[in-house]
Amino acid sequence: MVTVFRNARVFDGHAYLGDVGDVVIDHGRVVSVGGTAEGDAVVDVAGGLLAPGFVDAHVHAVQGGLERIRCDLSETDHVERRYLDVIGEYAARRPDVAWILGGGWAMAAFPGGTPTAAALDAVVPNRPVFLPNRDHHGAWVNSRALEIAGVDRSTPDPVDGRIERDPDGNPTGTLHEGAMALVARHVPRTSDDELYAGLLAGQSYLHSLGVTSWQDAIVGSYSGMDDNGPTYARAAAAGDLTAHVVGALWWDRDRGVEQVADLVQRRTALSAGRFAATSVKIMQDGVAENGTAALVEPYLDRCGHATDNRGLSFVDPAALRVCIAELDALGFQVHVHGLGDRGVREALDAFEGTDPARRHHIAHLQLVHPDDVPRFSALGVSANLQALWACYDEQMVDLTLPFLGDERASRQYPFADLKANGAHLVAGSDWPVSTPDPLQAIHVAVNRTAYGEAGRAGTDPFLPEQALSPEAAFAAYTSGSAWINGRDDAGTIAVGSVADLVVLDRDPFEDPASIGAASVVTTWVEGRAVSTA
């Protein structure tokens, strides 16, 4: 069926074209751009924007979907009492569930970013509770969960994590990084059908936000999550996977290069249809808010004095080089979590000598040492931006800025510097860490402020010299991320391109200061509408 998009302003994946006339699609492809045309169906865009569908280059769709159908705290006001109300109400509605699971709470809602088991005990005293925070680098548990796991004052911290404790050494209810596994290993296995429901819920939500394709940044078992690889394979085989998805197979940091053979086998077993398990995810460091992001210079204390903490490198840098070289040689793309400047540098060092055709990328990039900014282009490593984080919010103000110091804090999320130095930019949300709405992230990338959150996030732009142009930000979320997923015929509106498209209710290029006000009208995958507002 020939479909004509009329009265649209057009962004083609690289440049804003404005009103160029009709865009026509047929058999899942763009067949003409410009002029006037007739077709079997006409979509009146009514002066809104027609753009390539958004491609999320770093998302956890199954995990996000599961949280939406469990105890979802991601949309709750960042206030401890409100979280407790939601948790208590959920537990009361679900007396049949053995464990209260879900997550999405913000660290900034609690003193020091560390909620307590005692607070949870007041609303769920008799059943275990395990709730990862929104960045999934920490979890909030109650006393029953600690009891089941046998975690007490005598339990040592794991090498890759930390148990929050009171002055007497007793666990207080927050588990950081690898310490989450102490409780997570006791959480009942998520059933295959629940994982499937989570994927379908996540996919539906992403489509409603204009996302037509993504890279799932963890495919495997991690931090209490059951392996979601078979879930994707099942959906692809059944025809229920409407998005094109690249899966980044999880690199087990407790193992070494011997696991590569397993990854090769998984790549073959899982890849089919619209799902390709062709990437490998390595988490090299943690996050700044809990002091686990790997830094070149140490964190500061609240008085501005240097501590002895430089964060964690989860994979020994020398071993990282060996592992990445082996994966590169076997044709894998490597997707690294690098958030601190040392973590980013260790990843770049490991990419020395690899094949740029693999399209390797580093995600998050909160801190990049100035010496390392030009290396992205030189090495052919893409910069995977989570732009929504590049603004003032409680987490930045309360849990990050005081511990970095002025000089280091002034070089966070250096998007403009990366762009100016020739880095290939791609973009993702890290949902359920933060909203998967690309328009909210693009708004921050362009304005360096969060849209509509003046009361919580402030109105001052965060390091505005690092803002991207609207074209660059939209390109990162469309053609840039399509490219990182190996889809060279998607992410653009040009003759022959795959008709993965999004229609917005307005043209955000007319008023970049209000990009976040735009909303999705329809989302199209291969010329078929998959979501309608």
Protein backbone atom coordinates (compact mmCIF):
# COMPACT_ATOMS: atom_id res chain seq x y z
CA MET A 1 0.00 0.00 0.00
CA VAL A 2 1.28 3.44 -0.95
CA THR A 3 1.13 5.91 1.94
CA VAL A 4 1.67 9.64 1.49
CA PHE A 5 2.78 11.89 4.35
CA ARG A 6 1.54 15.40 3.58
CA ASN A 7 1.95 18.83 5.19
CA ALA A 8 5.02 17.74 7.11
CA ARG A 9 8.17 19.49 8.14
CA VAL A 10 10.93 16.95 7.55
CA PHE A 11 14.13 16.06 9.39
CA ASP A 12 15.88 13.49 7.22
CA GLY A 13 18.18 11.95 9.84
CA HIS A 14 21.03 14.34 9.14
CA ALA A 15 19.54 17.75 8.31
CA TYR A 16 16.35 19.71 8.83
CA LEU A 17 14.69 20.11 5.44
CA GLY A 18 11.54 21.97 6.49
CA ASP A 19 8.56 21.78 4.13
CA VAL A 20 9.79 19.86 1.08
CA GLY A 21 6.49 18.38 -0.04
CA ASP A 22 5.13 14.86 0.21
CA VAL A 23 7.02 11.85 1.53
CA VAL A 24 5.82 8.58 0.03
CA ILE A 25 6.35 5.04 1.31
CA ASP A 26 5.56 1.73 -0.33
CA HIS A 27 6.36 -1.85 0.68
CA GLY A 28 8.13 -0.64 3.81
CA ARG A 29 10.49 1.75 2.03
CA VAL A 30 10.66 5.44 1.27
CA VAL A 31 10.07 5.82 -2.48
CA SER A 32 10.03 9.60 -2.89
CA VAL A 33 10.75 12.79 -0.96
CA GLY A 34 9.36 16.10 -2.21
CA GLY A 35 6.79 17.31 -4.68
CA THR A 36 3.21 16.06 -4.66
CA ALA A 37 1.97 12.51 -4.91
CA GLU A 38 -1.11 10.32 -4.70
CA GLY A 39 -1.47 7.13 -2.74
CA ASP A 40 -3.78 4.59 -1.18
CA ALA A 41 -3.64 6.44 2.14
CA VAL A 42 -2.74 9.98 3.13
CA VAL A 43 -1.36 10.96 6.54
CA ASP A 44 -1.86 14.66 7.23
CA VAL A 45 1.05 15.67 9.47
CA ALA A 46 -0.60 19.11 9.86
CA GLY A 47 2.63 21.07 10.13
CA GLY A 48 4.22 18.69 12.62
CA LEU A 49 7.58 16.98 12.16
CA LEU A 50 8.16 13.80 10.17
CA ALA A 51 11.46 12.21 11.19
CA PRO A 52 13.13 8.82 11.11
CA GLY A 53 12.05 6.67 14.02
CA PHE A 54 14.18 7.12 17.12
CA VAL A 55 16.79 4.45 17.79
CA ASP A 56 17.75 3.93 21.42
CA ALA A 57 21.37 2.80 21.47
CA HIS A 58 21.41 1.89 25.18
CA VAL A 59 18.24 0.63 26.82
CA HIS A 60 17.03 -2.27 28.97
CA ALA A 61 13.63 -2.90 27.44
CA VAL A 62 12.74 -6.15 29.25
CA GLN A 63 13.87 -4.79 32.59
CA GLY A 64 11.98 -1.54 32.01
CA GLY A 65 8.87 -3.43 30.98
CA LEU A 66 9.06 -5.66 34.04
CA GLU A 67 9.28 -2.63 36.32
CA ARG A 68 6.18 -1.18 34.66
CA ILE A 69 4.19 -4.30 35.52
CA ARG A 70 5.71 -4.65 39.01
CA CYS A 71 6.21 -2.06 41.79
CA ASP A 72 7.16 0.84 39.54
CA LEU A 73 8.69 3.80 41.39
CA SER A 74 10.05 5.56 38.30
CA GLU A 75 7.07 7.91 37.92
CA THR A 76 6.72 8.62 41.64
CA ASP A 77 7.63 11.98 43.18
CA HIS A 78 11.18 11.84 44.51
CA VAL A 79 10.10 11.91 48.15
CA GLU A 80 10.69 9.07 50.62
CA ARG A 81 7.13 9.13 51.95
CA ARG A 82 5.64 8.85 48.47
CA TYR A 83 7.87 5.88 47.67
CA LEU A 84 6.78 4.15 50.85
CA ASP A 85 3.11 4.84 50.07
CA VAL A 86 3.46 3.29 46.60
CA ILE A 87 5.34 0.26 47.95
CA GLY A 88 2.83 -0.28 50.73
CA GLU A 89 -0.13 0.04 48.37
CA TYR A 90 1.43 -2.35 45.87
CA ALA A 91 2.15 -4.94 48.58
CA ALA A 92 -1.42 -4.67 49.87
CA ARG A 93 -2.81 -5.27 46.36
CA ARG A 94 -0.54 -8.27 45.81
CA PRO A 95 -0.70 -10.45 48.93
CA ASP A 96 0.09 -13.45 46.71
CA VAL A 97 3.61 -12.43 45.69
CA ALA A 98 6.43 -13.82 47.79
CA TRP A 99 8.89 -11.00 47.03
CA ILE A 100 8.12 -7.33 46.41
CA LEU A 101 10.08 -6.49 43.25
CA GLY A 102 10.29 -3.51 40.93
CA GLY A 103 12.38 -0.39 41.42
CA GLY A 104 13.18 3.01 39.98
CA TRP A 105 13.74 5.16 43.09
CA ALA A 106 16.01 8.21 43.02
CA MET A 107 18.98 8.38 45.37
CA ALA A 108 18.44 12.09 45.92
CA ALA A 109 15.22 11.38 47.82
CA PHE A 110 17.22 10.02 50.76
CA PRO A 111 19.97 11.46 52.99
CA GLY A 112 23.27 10.43 51.43
CA GLY A 113 21.35 8.55 48.74
CA THR A 114 20.91 5.56 51.06
CA PRO A 115 17.38 4.51 52.09
CA THR A 116 16.96 2.19 55.05
CA ALA A 117 15.55 -1.25 55.71
CA ALA A 118 13.76 0.16 58.73
CA ALA A 119 11.67 2.44 56.53
CA LEU A 120 10.67 -0.49 54.31
CA ASP A 121 9.93 -2.66 57.34
CA ALA A 122 7.23 -0.18 58.36
CA VAL A 123 5.23 -0.86 55.18
CA VAL A 124 6.28 -4.43 54.30
CA PRO A 125 7.39 -6.19 57.50
CA ASN A 126 6.91 -9.87 56.68
CA ARG A 127 7.87 -10.32 53.02
CA PRO A 128 11.27 -9.64 51.46
CA VAL A 129 11.66 -6.49 49.35
CA PHE A 130 14.32 -5.96 46.65
CA LEU A 131 14.09 -2.67 44.75
CA PRO A 132 16.97 -1.47 42.54
CA ASN A 133 17.33 2.29 42.23
CA ARG A 134 16.84 4.06 38.94
CA ASP A 135 20.48 3.69 37.88
CA HIS A 136 20.52 0.00 38.90
CA HIS A 137 23.85 0.40 40.66
CA GLY A 138 22.25 0.00 44.07
CA ALA A 139 19.27 -1.69 45.71
CA TRP A 140 16.96 -0.96 48.65
CA VAL A 141 16.11 -4.02 50.74
CA ASN A 142 14.19 -4.62 53.94
CA SER A 143 15.22 -6.61 57.01
CA ARG A 144 13.44 -9.75 55.84
CA ALA A 145 15.47 -9.76 52.60
CA LEU A 146 18.71 -9.31 54.55
CA GLU A 147 17.69 -12.12 56.88
CA ILE A 148 16.94 -14.54 54.02
CA ALA A 149 20.30 -13.70 52.42
CA GLY A 150 22.17 -14.07 55.71
CA VAL A 151 23.64 -10.58 55.39
CA ASP A 152 24.67 -9.18 58.76
CA ARG A 153 27.51 -7.28 60.40
CA SER A 154 29.88 -10.21 59.81
CA THR A 155 29.26 -10.28 56.04
CA PRO A 156 32.26 -8.83 54.20
CA ASP A 157 31.85 -6.40 51.32
CA PRO A 158 32.33 -8.11 47.95
CA VAL A 159 35.28 -6.91 45.91
CA ASP A 160 32.98 -5.21 43.41
CA GLY A 161 30.51 -3.61 45.81
CA ARG A 162 29.68 -2.24 49.23
CA ILE A 163 27.11 -2.84 51.97
CA GLU A 164 25.86 0.37 53.54
CA ARG A 165 26.30 0.05 57.33
CA ASP A 166 25.61 1.86 60.58
CA PRO A 167 28.47 2.83 62.95
CA ASP A 168 28.34 -0.65 64.50
CA GLY A 169 28.74 -2.35 61.13
CA ASN A 170 25.15 -3.55 60.78
CA PRO A 171 23.66 -3.43 57.27
CA THR A 172 21.22 -0.54 56.99
CA GLY A 173 19.30 -1.51 53.83
CA THR A 174 21.23 -0.16 50.83
CA LEU A 175 23.46 -2.43 48.74
CA HIS A 176 25.85 -0.92 46.20
CA GLU A 177 27.03 -2.54 42.95
CA GLY A 178 28.13 -6.17 43.41
CA ALA A 179 26.66 -6.27 46.92
CA MET A 180 23.22 -6.37 45.32
CA ALA A 181 23.93 -9.96 44.32
CA LEU A 182 24.03 -11.01 47.98
CA VAL A 183 20.25 -10.63 48.05
CA ALA A 184 19.45 -10.88 44.34
CA ARG A 185 20.60 -14.49 44.20
CA HIS A 186 17.73 -15.39 46.55
CA VAL A 187 15.04 -13.66 44.46
CA PRO A 188 12.77 -16.24 42.79
CA ARG A 189 13.45 -16.80 39.11
CA THR A 190 11.28 -14.67 36.83
CA SER A 191 9.12 -16.99 34.75
CA ASP A 192 9.53 -17.14 30.99
CA ASP A 193 6.02 -15.78 30.55
CA GLU A 194 6.66 -12.85 32.88
CA LEU A 195 9.85 -11.98 31.00
CA TYR A 196 7.86 -12.13 27.78
CA ALA A 197 5.17 -9.86 29.22
CA GLY A 198 7.93 -7.48 30.29
CA LEU A 199 9.37 -7.36 26.77
CA LEU A 200 5.99 -6.71 25.19
CA ALA A 201 5.18 -4.01 27.76
CA GLY A 202 8.56 -2.40 27.19
CA GLN A 203 8.22 -2.54 23.42
CA SER A 204 4.75 -1.00 23.51
CA TYR A 205 5.96 1.85 25.70
CA LEU A 206 9.01 2.51 23.53
CA HIS A 207 6.88 2.54 20.37
CA SER A 208 4.54 5.05 22.00
CA LEU A 209 7.54 7.36 22.37
CA GLY A 210 8.59 7.04 18.73
CA VAL A 211 11.30 4.41 19.26
CA THR A 212 11.42 1.96 16.36
CA SER A 213 14.67 0.15 17.11
CA TRP A 214 17.11 -0.25 19.96
CA GLN A 215 20.18 -1.91 21.42
CA ASP A 216 19.46 -3.80 24.63
CA ALA A 217 22.52 -3.05 26.73
CA ILE A 218 22.39 -6.25 28.82
CA VAL A 219 21.31 -9.55 27.32
CA GLY A 220 22.05 -12.19 29.91
CA SER A 221 21.81 -12.69 33.67
CA TYR A 222 22.81 -9.67 35.73
CA SER A 223 22.06 -8.38 39.24
CA GLY A 224 19.10 -10.65 39.88
CA MET A 225 17.74 -10.36 36.33
CA ASP A 226 17.11 -13.64 34.56
CA ASP A 227 18.54 -14.17 31.08
CA ASN A 228 16.42 -12.21 28.61
CA GLY A 229 18.12 -13.61 25.50
CA PRO A 230 15.64 -16.47 25.02
CA THR A 231 12.83 -13.93 25.53
CA TYR A 232 13.98 -11.92 22.54
CA ALA A 233 14.50 -15.06 20.46
CA ARG A 234 10.98 -16.24 21.33
CA ALA A 235 9.45 -12.89 20.37
CA ALA A 236 11.38 -12.78 17.10
CA ALA A 237 10.29 -16.31 16.18
CA ALA A 238 6.65 -15.56 17.03
CA GLY A 239 6.59 -12.32 15.07
CA ASP A 240 5.84 -10.33 18.23
CA LEU A 241 9.09 -8.38 18.05
CA THR A 242 8.06 -5.42 15.93
CA ALA A 243 11.25 -3.46 16.59
CA HIS A 244 14.67 -4.27 15.20
CA VAL A 245 16.89 -5.03 18.20
CA VAL A 246 20.59 -5.61 18.70
CA GLY A 247 21.39 -7.49 21.88
CA ALA A 248 24.59 -6.72 23.78
CA LEU A 249 25.53 -10.01 25.42
CA TRP A 250 26.57 -9.58 29.04
CA TRP A 251 30.29 -9.95 29.84
CA ASP A 252 30.59 -11.77 33.16
CA ARG A 253 33.27 -9.83 35.00
CA ASP A 254 33.90 -12.80 37.31
CA ARG A 255 35.19 -14.72 34.30
CA GLY A 256 37.86 -14.01 31.72
CA VAL A 257 38.53 -14.58 28.05
CA GLU A 258 37.43 -18.20 28.37
CA GLN A 259 33.80 -17.03 28.16
CA VAL A 260 34.24 -15.84 24.56
CA ALA A 261 33.39 -19.28 23.20
CA ASP A 262 30.09 -19.16 25.09
CA LEU A 263 29.33 -15.74 23.62
CA VAL A 264 29.98 -17.00 20.10
CA GLN A 265 27.55 -19.86 20.73
CA ARG A 266 24.92 -17.48 22.12
CA ARG A 267 25.30 -15.16 19.14
CA THR A 268 24.47 -18.04 16.81
CA ALA A 269 21.68 -19.48 18.93
CA LEU A 270 19.82 -16.24 19.62
CA SER A 271 20.16 -14.26 16.39
CA ALA A 272 17.17 -14.56 14.09
CA GLY A 273 14.58 -12.34 12.49
CA ARG A 274 14.56 -8.88 14.00
CA PHE A 275 16.94 -9.79 16.83
CA ALA A 276 20.72 -9.89 16.41
CA ALA A 277 22.94 -10.79 19.39
CA THR A 278 26.01 -9.28 17.77
CA SER A 279 27.32 -6.96 20.49
CA VAL A 280 28.96 -7.60 23.87
CA LYS A 281 28.44 -5.34 26.88
CA ILE A 282 31.32 -4.80 29.32
CA MET A 283 30.72 -2.72 32.44
CA GLN A 284 34.08 -1.14 33.21
CA ASP A 285 33.10 1.07 36.15
CA GLY A 286 30.17 2.22 38.26
CA VAL A 287 28.51 5.59 38.82
CA ALA A 288 29.63 8.82 40.42
CA GLU A 289 26.71 9.09 42.86
CA ASN A 290 27.90 6.16 44.96
CA GLY A 291 31.63 6.69 44.40
CA THR A 292 32.16 3.69 42.10
CA ALA A 293 32.80 5.48 38.78
CA ALA A 294 36.52 5.06 38.02
CA LEU A 295 38.33 8.42 38.26
CA VAL A 296 41.85 9.51 37.38
CA GLU A 297 42.02 11.61 40.54
CA PRO A 298 40.28 10.67 43.80
CA TYR A 299 36.85 11.70 44.93
CA LEU A 300 36.57 14.53 47.43
CA ASP A 301 34.81 14.45 50.77
CA ARG A 302 32.11 16.97 51.69
CA CYS A 303 34.77 19.38 52.91
CA GLY A 304 36.58 19.33 49.58
CA HIS A 305 39.50 17.18 50.68
CA ALA A 306 40.83 14.32 48.59
CA THR A 307 39.86 10.83 49.77
CA ASP A 308 41.56 7.53 49.03
CA ASN A 309 38.69 6.47 46.74
CA ARG A 310 39.22 6.52 42.97
CA GLY A 311 36.24 4.27 42.21
CA LEU A 312 36.21 0.77 40.78
CA SER A 313 37.53 -0.79 37.59
CA PHE A 314 35.40 -3.91 37.35
CA VAL A 315 37.69 -5.47 34.73
CA ASP A 316 41.45 -5.25 35.14
CA PRO A 317 42.65 -2.86 32.40
CA ALA A 318 45.22 -5.33 31.09
CA ALA A 319 42.62 -8.08 30.95
CA LEU A 320 40.20 -5.68 29.26
CA ARG A 321 42.62 -5.22 26.37
CA VAL A 322 42.93 -8.96 25.88
CA CYS A 323 39.18 -9.52 26.04
CA ILE A 324 38.28 -6.72 23.63
CA ALA A 325 40.97 -7.81 21.16
CA GLU A 326 39.54 -11.34 21.17
CA LEU A 327 35.96 -10.14 20.72
CA ASP A 328 37.01 -7.76 17.95
CA ALA A 329 38.81 -10.55 16.11
CA LEU A 330 35.66 -12.69 16.23
CA GLY A 331 33.48 -9.98 14.71
CA PHE A 332 31.71 -8.73 17.84
CA GLN A 333 30.88 -5.12 18.42
CA VAL A 334 31.89 -4.12 21.98
CA HIS A 335 29.67 -1.81 24.01
CA VAL A 336 31.42 -0.51 27.15
CA HIS A 337 29.92 1.23 30.16
CA GLY A 338 32.47 3.98 30.83
CA LEU A 339 31.30 6.77 33.10
CA GLY A 340 34.34 8.12 34.97
CA ASP A 341 37.37 9.58 33.21
CA ARG A 342 39.58 6.65 34.18
CA GLY A 343 36.94 4.13 33.13
CA VAL A 344 36.62 5.88 29.77
CA ARG A 345 40.39 5.98 29.34
CA GLU A 346 40.74 2.29 30.16
CA ALA A 347 38.12 1.49 27.51
CA LEU A 348 39.80 3.67 24.89
CA ASP A 349 43.17 2.09 25.68
CA ALA A 350 41.61 -1.34 25.14
CA PHE A 351 40.18 -0.28 21.77
CA GLU A 352 43.65 0.61 20.45
CA GLY A 353 44.29 -1.54 17.40
CA THR A 354 40.72 -2.77 16.96
CA ASP A 355 38.79 -2.66 13.69
CA PRO A 356 36.66 0.52 13.34
CA ALA A 357 34.31 -1.48 11.10
CA ARG A 358 33.02 -3.22 14.25
CA ARG A 359 31.46 0.09 15.34
CA HIS A 360 32.53 -0.19 18.99
CA HIS A 361 31.10 2.36 21.40
CA ILE A 362 31.40 3.67 24.95
CA ALA A 363 28.25 4.68 26.81
CA HIS A 364 27.53 7.33 29.45
CA LEU A 365 30.71 9.44 29.29
CA GLN A 366 29.93 11.63 32.26
CA LEU A 367 33.60 12.49 32.61
CA VAL A 368 36.06 12.35 29.74
CA HIS A 369 39.57 13.63 30.32
CA PRO A 370 40.38 16.40 27.79
CA ASP A 371 43.33 14.36 26.51
CA ASP A 372 40.94 11.56 25.60
CA VAL A 373 38.28 13.54 23.74
CA PRO A 374 40.10 13.39 20.34
CA ARG A 375 40.75 9.66 20.73
CA PHE A 376 37.14 8.70 19.90
CA SER A 377 37.51 9.88 16.33
CA ALA A 378 41.09 8.64 16.03
CA LEU A 379 40.13 5.13 17.14
CA GLY A 380 36.76 4.99 15.37
CA VAL A 381 34.94 4.52 18.68
CA SER A 382 31.48 6.06 18.91
CA ALA A 383 30.28 8.21 21.83
CA ASN A 384 27.01 6.84 23.18
CA LEU A 385 25.28 9.73 24.96
CA GLN A 386 22.64 9.55 27.68
CA ALA A 387 21.81 13.21 27.22
CA LEU A 388 19.01 13.41 29.77
CA TRP A 389 21.57 13.36 32.57
CA ALA A 390 23.38 16.53 31.44
CA CYS A 391 21.37 18.95 33.55
CA TYR A 392 21.03 20.17 37.10
CA ASP A 393 18.91 17.83 39.17
CA GLU A 394 18.99 16.71 42.79
CA GLN A 395 21.33 13.83 42.01
CA MET A 396 23.79 16.13 40.28
CA VAL A 397 23.60 18.88 42.89
CA ASP A 398 23.54 16.75 46.03
CA LEU A 399 25.42 13.57 45.17
CA THR A 400 27.87 14.49 42.41
CA LEU A 401 29.12 18.10 42.33
CA PRO A 402 30.36 18.18 45.96
CA PHE A 403 32.52 15.10 45.42
CA LEU A 404 34.11 16.06 42.10
CA GLY A 405 35.29 19.63 42.73
CA ASP A 406 34.86 22.64 40.47
CA GLU A 407 37.43 21.84 37.78
CA ARG A 408 36.36 18.27 37.21
CA ALA A 409 32.65 19.09 37.52
CA SER A 410 33.08 21.67 34.74
CA ARG A 411 33.88 19.02 32.15
CA GLN A 412 30.92 16.68 32.54
CA TYR A 413 29.03 15.33 29.54
CA PRO A 414 31.27 17.06 26.94
CA PHE A 415 28.93 16.55 24.00
CA ALA A 416 29.99 19.61 21.99
CA ASP A 417 33.70 18.84 22.48
CA LEU A 418 33.20 15.27 21.29
CA LYS A 419 31.28 16.48 18.24
CA ALA A 420 33.86 19.17 17.43
CA ASN A 421 36.64 16.58 17.60
CA GLY A 422 34.94 14.31 15.08
CA ALA A 423 33.40 11.68 17.33
CA HIS A 424 30.47 9.76 15.88
CA LEU A 425 27.54 10.48 18.22
CA VAL A 426 24.82 8.00 19.08
CA ALA A 427 22.20 8.30 21.80
CA GLY A 428 20.21 6.22 24.23
CA SER A 429 18.17 6.49 27.39
CA ASP A 430 19.42 3.70 29.71
CA TRP A 431 15.75 3.14 30.60
CA PRO A 432 14.66 2.21 33.26
CA VAL A 433 17.48 4.28 34.76
CA SER A 434 15.71 7.32 33.28
CA THR A 435 12.78 8.00 30.98
CA PRO A 436 13.07 6.47 27.50
CA ASP A 437 11.41 9.53 25.93
CA PRO A 438 13.87 10.67 23.23
CA LEU A 439 12.32 14.14 23.06
CA GLN A 440 13.12 14.78 26.71
CA ALA A 441 16.72 13.69 26.16
CA ILE A 442 17.09 15.73 22.98
CA HIS A 443 15.71 18.75 24.83
CA VAL A 444 18.49 18.43 27.41
CA ALA A 445 21.16 17.86 24.77
CA VAL A 446 20.17 21.13 23.07
CA ASN A 447 19.26 23.28 26.08
CA ARG A 448 21.22 21.62 28.93
CA THR A 449 18.12 21.96 31.11
CA ALA A 450 15.33 19.49 31.80
CA TYR A 451 12.01 20.39 30.23
CA GLY A 452 9.21 21.32 32.62
CA GLU A 453 11.11 20.58 35.83
CA ALA A 454 12.02 24.07 37.01
CA GLY A 455 10.90 23.29 40.52
CA ARG A 456 13.16 20.27 40.87
CA ALA A 457 15.98 20.75 38.43
CA GLY A 458 16.36 24.49 38.29
CA THR A 459 16.33 26.70 35.23
CA ASP A 460 20.07 27.37 34.86
CA PRO A 461 21.64 25.51 31.93
CA PHE A 462 24.28 23.00 32.91
CA LEU A 463 27.58 23.80 31.14
CA PRO A 464 25.75 25.32 28.13
CA GLU A 465 28.96 25.45 26.09
CA GLN A 466 28.56 21.67 25.70
CA ALA A 467 25.11 21.91 24.11
CA LEU A 468 24.43 20.31 20.73
CA SER A 469 22.55 21.87 17.86
CA PRO A 470 19.03 20.48 17.29
CA GLU A 471 20.21 18.78 14.09
CA ALA A 472 23.13 17.10 15.84
CA ALA A 473 20.96 15.90 18.73
CA PHE A 474 18.22 14.52 16.48
CA ALA A 475 20.86 12.91 14.24
CA ALA A 476 22.44 11.11 17.19
CA TYR A 477 19.05 9.62 18.11
CA THR A 478 18.20 8.59 14.52
CA SER A 479 20.87 8.03 11.86
CA GLY A 480 23.67 7.88 14.43
CA SER A 481 22.12 5.11 16.50
CA ALA A 482 20.78 3.24 13.45
CA TRP A 483 24.38 3.13 12.21
CA ILE A 484 25.70 1.77 15.49
CA ASN A 485 23.14 -1.04 15.16
CA GLY A 486 24.43 -1.86 11.70
CA ARG A 487 21.30 -0.64 9.91
CA ASP A 488 22.75 1.53 7.19
CA ASP A 489 19.42 1.64 5.34
CA ALA A 490 17.50 2.97 8.35
CA GLY A 491 17.56 6.12 10.45
CA THR A 492 17.07 8.42 7.45
CA ILE A 493 14.31 9.69 5.20
CA ALA A 494 15.71 9.19 1.72
CA VAL A 495 14.72 7.19 -1.30
CA GLY A 496 15.35 3.53 -0.52
CA SER A 497 15.45 3.95 3.26
CA VAL A 498 13.47 1.64 5.52
CA ALA A 499 10.22 3.41 6.46
CA ASP A 500 10.80 3.49 10.20
CA LEU A 501 9.23 6.86 10.96
CA VAL A 502 7.82 9.05 13.70
CA VAL A 503 5.25 11.84 13.38
CA LEU A 504 5.37 14.61 16.01
CA ASP A 505 2.52 16.95 16.85
CA ARG A 506 4.67 20.01 16.20
CA ASP A 507 7.94 21.07 14.63
CA PRO A 508 10.50 21.33 17.45
CA PHE A 509 13.02 22.97 15.10
CA GLU A 510 10.83 26.08 15.12
CA ASP A 511 11.34 26.51 18.87
CA PRO A 512 14.29 24.51 20.20
CA ALA A 513 13.69 25.88 23.70
CA SER A 514 10.47 23.82 23.78
CA ILE A 515 11.59 20.54 22.22
CA GLY A 516 10.36 18.70 25.30
CA ALA A 517 6.82 19.94 24.69
CA ALA A 518 6.52 17.90 21.49
CA SER A 519 4.75 14.56 21.58
CA VAL A 520 4.45 11.54 19.32
CA VAL A 521 1.36 11.17 17.14
CA THR A 522 2.22 7.95 15.30
CA THR A 523 5.15 5.55 15.07
CA TRP A 524 5.82 3.45 11.97
CA VAL A 525 8.02 0.38 11.50
CA GLU A 526 8.68 -0.72 7.93
CA GLY A 527 5.74 1.34 6.75
CA ARG A 528 3.26 -0.03 9.28
CA ALA A 529 1.84 2.01 12.15
CA VAL A 530 2.81 0.34 15.46
CA SER A 531 1.62 3.09 17.81
CA THR A 532 -1.00 5.82 17.55
CA ALA A 533 -1.63 8.45 20.20
